[in-house]
Amino acid sequence: MAQTSQLLAPANGTVIALAKTSDPIFAQGTMGQGFGLTPTDGQVVAPVSGKVSMVADSKHAIGIVTNDGLEVLIHMGG
């Protein structure tokens, strides 16, 4: 049986296909499955419960690992 996890939107806004994002690494699916989001306000929240596993030096990306081992990357910007 496949395991499922609940993933919430990290911000209010319009969801766009990952292929429509401006970053070619993400648009080509190199980093895995996901979606883009055009935010409507400045608030970003954790889309899952878990432990912060990394914060990029530039603070534009945050990794979270859930208790089930799901790795989630929140990548903000261009």
Protein backbone atom coordinates (compact mmCIF):
# COMPACT_ATOMS: atom_id res chain seq x y z
CA MET A 1 0.00 0.00 0.00
CA ALA A 2 1.35 3.45 -0.92
CA GLN A 3 1.98 5.89 1.89
CA THR A 4 0.44 9.37 1.63
CA SER A 5 1.28 12.67 3.28
CA GLN A 6 -0.75 15.84 3.51
CA LEU A 7 0.98 18.75 1.79
CA LEU A 8 -0.48 22.22 2.24
CA ALA A 9 0.22 25.30 0.13
CA PRO A 10 3.13 27.30 1.61
CA ALA A 11 1.44 30.61 0.74
CA ASN A 12 -1.78 32.13 -0.57
CA GLY A 13 -1.75 32.50 -4.32
CA THR A 14 -2.26 30.89 -7.68
CA VAL A 15 -0.83 27.41 -8.26
CA ILE A 16 1.04 26.95 -11.54
CA ALA A 17 2.52 23.86 -13.17
CA LEU A 18 6.15 23.25 -12.25
CA ALA A 19 7.02 23.32 -15.98
CA LYS A 20 5.78 26.95 -16.10
CA THR A 21 8.24 28.18 -13.44
CA SER A 22 11.19 30.33 -14.51
CA ASP A 23 13.92 28.18 -12.93
CA PRO A 24 14.97 25.52 -15.49
CA ILE A 25 16.19 23.06 -12.83
CA PHE A 26 12.73 22.98 -11.26
CA ALA A 27 10.78 23.37 -14.52
CA GLN A 28 12.44 20.26 -15.97
CA GLY A 29 11.62 18.23 -12.86
CA THR A 30 15.28 17.72 -11.93
CA MET A 31 14.49 18.34 -8.26
CA GLY A 32 11.45 16.03 -8.31
CA GLN A 33 7.72 16.58 -8.31
CA GLY A 34 6.21 19.85 -7.23
CA PHE A 35 4.33 22.97 -8.21
CA GLY A 36 4.88 26.68 -8.57
CA LEU A 37 2.95 29.33 -6.75
CA THR A 38 2.42 32.98 -7.59
CA PRO A 39 1.85 34.48 -4.11
CA THR A 40 -0.76 37.10 -3.32
CA ASP A 41 0.74 38.22 -0.02
CA GLY A 42 4.09 38.08 1.76
CA GLN A 43 3.37 35.28 4.23
CA VAL A 44 5.05 31.88 3.77
CA VAL A 45 4.23 28.98 6.09
CA ALA A 46 5.43 25.40 6.49
CA PRO A 47 3.49 23.09 4.13
CA VAL A 48 4.17 20.05 6.36
CA SER A 49 4.96 19.24 9.97
CA GLY A 50 8.52 18.10 10.48
CA LYS A 51 12.09 19.06 11.21
CA VAL A 52 13.92 21.81 9.33
CA SER A 53 16.79 19.97 7.64
CA MET A 54 18.46 22.88 5.83
CA VAL A 55 18.28 26.61 5.25
CA ALA A 56 20.17 28.00 2.26
CA ASP A 57 22.77 30.65 3.08
CA SER A 58 20.75 33.11 0.99
CA LYS A 59 17.57 32.16 2.95
CA HIS A 60 15.68 31.50 -0.33
CA ALA A 61 15.25 27.76 0.28
CA ILE A 62 14.24 25.70 3.29
CA GLY A 63 14.20 21.90 3.56
CA ILE A 64 11.85 20.05 5.88
CA VAL A 65 11.78 16.30 6.63
CA THR A 66 8.50 14.89 7.95
CA ASN A 67 8.30 12.19 10.62
CA ASP A 68 7.53 9.75 7.77
CA GLY A 69 10.78 10.68 5.98
CA LEU A 70 9.24 12.81 3.21
CA GLU A 71 11.72 15.51 2.13
CA VAL A 72 10.09 18.82 1.17
CA LEU A 73 11.92 21.79 -0.33
CA ILE A 74 10.40 25.27 -0.21
CA HIS A 75 12.25 27.31 -2.85
CA MET A 76 11.33 30.99 -3.07
CA GLY A 77 12.21 33.30 -5.89
CA GLY A 78 12.97 33.47 -9.60
